[in-house]
């Protein structure tokens, strides 16, 4: 893929993220909804961050000053790559720096979306202000913009 093609693809995905997150409730620094104990900014749990759409969502949230912490949840690996390597691979593929993973803002965790509280410790789950389940079924012959 050429740099121009990658930039066009990234712009389309970024536009999709913007389109489908524009109606999200505003994120304010300060007290969060009842379920959140965090008072310094939003704590977001995001799934699907190893895929193209999810990696772009992770990139946008990681660069947002309104988001304090992002838990990037993934199922346990069966590919031989650990959770950090899988997220780094997705970010690199989408043109983001892996420095986002080193900032302390992004925390990669393993869980199971089929379990109560995604199989996470209750204390961790209770700190989450927003859930962003970026599950997008990919079909190579259908462009992402027509799947919505």
Protein backbone atom coordinates (compact mmCIF):
# COMPACT_ATOMS: atom_id res chain seq x y z
CA UNK A 1 0.00 0.00 0.00
CA UNK A 2 1.41 3.38 -1.00
CA UNK A 3 1.60 6.26 1.50
CA UNK A 4 -1.19 8.08 -0.40
CA UNK A 5 -3.43 5.01 -0.27
CA UNK A 6 -2.72 4.60 3.43
CA UNK A 7 -3.54 8.26 4.08
CA UNK A 8 -6.83 7.99 2.16
CA UNK A 9 -7.75 4.83 4.09
CA UNK A 10 -6.83 6.46 7.40
CA UNK A 11 -8.92 9.55 6.53
CA UNK A 12 -11.95 7.39 5.68
CA UNK A 13 -11.64 5.49 8.97
CA UNK A 14 -11.11 8.69 10.92
CA UNK A 15 -14.19 10.19 9.26
CA UNK A 16 -16.20 7.10 10.26
CA UNK A 17 -15.00 7.43 13.86
CA UNK A 18 -15.96 11.12 13.85
CA UNK A 19 -19.36 10.41 12.28
CA UNK A 20 -20.33 7.70 14.75
CA UNK A 21 -18.92 9.37 17.86
CA UNK A 22 -20.24 12.92 17.27
CA UNK A 23 -23.36 12.17 19.31
CA UNK A 24 -21.46 10.68 22.23
CA UNK A 25 -22.19 12.48 25.46
CA UNK A 26 -19.70 15.25 26.13
CA UNK A 27 -16.59 14.25 28.05
CA UNK A 28 -15.92 16.64 30.89
CA UNK A 29 -12.95 16.77 33.21
CA UNK A 30 -14.56 16.46 36.59
CA UNK A 31 -17.05 14.12 38.22
CA UNK A 32 -18.14 11.36 35.88
CA UNK A 33 -21.43 9.46 35.72
CA UNK A 34 -22.49 7.62 38.88
CA UNK A 35 -20.62 4.43 38.03
CA UNK A 36 -17.27 6.19 37.77
CA UNK A 37 -15.11 6.97 40.79
CA UNK A 38 -12.66 8.92 38.63
CA UNK A 39 -12.84 12.72 38.88
CA UNK A 40 -9.96 13.76 36.61
CA UNK A 41 -11.29 12.77 33.17
CA UNK A 42 -12.98 10.02 31.24
CA UNK A 43 -11.95 6.40 31.62
CA UNK A 44 -12.83 4.53 28.43
CA UNK A 45 -12.84 0.79 27.83
CA UNK A 46 -12.40 0.05 24.10
CA UNK A 47 -12.59 -3.30 22.34
CA UNK A 48 -11.45 -4.19 18.84
CA UNK A 49 -8.30 -2.05 18.99
CA UNK A 50 -6.18 -4.53 17.05
CA UNK A 51 -8.37 -4.06 13.96
CA UNK A 52 -8.34 -1.06 11.64
CA UNK A 53 -11.45 0.68 12.97
CA UNK A 54 -10.60 0.03 16.62
CA UNK A 55 -6.97 1.13 16.20
CA UNK A 56 -8.22 4.44 14.83
CA UNK A 57 -10.62 4.84 17.75
CA UNK A 58 -7.76 4.07 20.14
CA UNK A 59 -5.58 6.64 18.36
CA UNK A 60 -8.24 9.36 18.59
CA UNK A 61 -8.98 8.69 22.27
CA UNK A 62 -5.26 8.50 23.13
CA UNK A 63 -4.74 11.95 21.65
CA UNK A 64 -7.80 13.49 23.32
CA UNK A 65 -7.16 15.66 26.38
CA UNK A 66 -10.70 14.76 27.57
CA UNK A 67 -9.76 11.11 28.07
CA UNK A 68 -7.57 10.26 31.05
CA UNK A 69 -7.28 6.48 30.74
CA UNK A 70 -8.06 3.98 28.00
CA UNK A 71 -8.37 0.29 28.70
CA UNK A 72 -7.84 -1.49 25.39
CA UNK A 73 -9.40 -4.91 25.98
CA UNK A 74 -8.46 -7.91 23.86
CA UNK A 75 -9.23 -11.58 24.02
CA UNK A 76 -6.33 -13.79 25.10
CA UNK A 77 -3.85 -14.27 22.28
CA UNK A 78 -3.57 -17.42 20.27
CA UNK A 79 -1.22 -15.93 17.68
CA UNK A 80 1.94 -15.99 19.78
CA UNK A 81 1.94 -12.18 20.05
CA UNK A 82 1.28 -10.68 23.46
CA UNK A 83 -1.39 -8.01 23.98
CA UNK A 84 1.08 -5.10 23.66
CA UNK A 85 2.55 -6.46 20.41
CA UNK A 86 -0.93 -6.96 18.91
CA UNK A 87 -2.00 -3.39 19.74
CA UNK A 88 1.30 -1.97 18.48
CA UNK A 89 0.88 -3.85 15.20
CA UNK A 90 -2.61 -2.36 14.72
CA UNK A 91 -1.48 1.19 15.49
CA UNK A 92 1.55 0.96 13.19
CA UNK A 93 -0.61 -0.41 10.39
CA UNK A 94 -2.94 2.59 10.75
CA UNK A 95 -0.09 5.10 10.86
CA UNK A 96 -0.08 5.90 14.58
CA UNK A 97 3.03 5.97 16.74
CA UNK A 98 3.49 3.19 19.26
CA UNK A 99 4.49 5.96 21.69
CA UNK A 100 0.75 6.13 22.44
CA UNK A 101 1.14 2.77 24.19
CA UNK A 102 4.04 4.04 26.31
CA UNK A 103 2.35 7.20 27.58
CA UNK A 104 0.69 5.52 30.56
CA UNK A 105 -2.71 6.66 29.27
CA UNK A 106 -3.36 3.42 27.35
CA UNK A 107 -3.50 0.18 29.29
CA UNK A 108 -3.79 -3.08 27.41
CA UNK A 109 -5.80 -5.75 29.18
CA UNK A 110 -7.14 -9.18 28.35
CA UNK A 111 -10.77 -10.05 28.90
CA UNK A 112 -13.80 -11.81 27.45
CA UNK A 113 -16.72 -9.73 26.17
CA UNK A 114 -19.06 -12.68 26.74
CA UNK A 115 -18.51 -12.67 30.51
CA UNK A 116 -20.07 -10.43 33.14
CA UNK A 117 -17.98 -7.28 33.46
CA UNK A 118 -15.93 -8.77 30.59
CA UNK A 119 -14.10 -11.03 33.03
CA UNK A 120 -12.30 -8.06 34.58
CA UNK A 121 -11.78 -7.42 38.27
CA UNK A 122 -14.84 -5.64 39.64
CA UNK A 123 -12.74 -2.74 40.98
CA UNK A 124 -11.23 -2.07 37.53
CA UNK A 125 -14.59 -2.38 35.77
CA UNK A 126 -16.17 0.13 38.17
CA UNK A 127 -13.63 2.82 37.21
CA UNK A 128 -14.84 2.82 33.58
CA UNK A 129 -16.88 5.88 32.52
CA UNK A 130 -17.61 4.84 28.92
CA UNK A 131 -17.66 1.62 26.92
CA UNK A 132 -16.75 1.71 23.24
CA UNK A 133 -17.21 -1.70 21.69
CA UNK A 134 -15.73 -1.23 18.24
CA UNK A 135 -16.78 -4.50 16.72
CA UNK A 136 -16.84 -4.20 12.98
CA UNK A 137 -17.20 -7.30 10.87
CA UNK A 138 -14.84 -6.96 7.95
CA UNK A 139 -15.56 -8.24 4.49
CA UNK A 140 -12.74 -7.54 2.08
CA UNK A 141 -15.04 -6.92 -0.87
CA UNK A 142 -17.25 -4.38 0.93
CA UNK A 143 -15.78 -0.95 1.82
CA UNK A 144 -16.14 0.11 5.50
CA UNK A 145 -18.27 3.15 4.66
CA UNK A 146 -21.03 0.96 3.20
CA UNK A 147 -21.20 -1.33 6.26
CA UNK A 148 -22.75 1.28 8.53
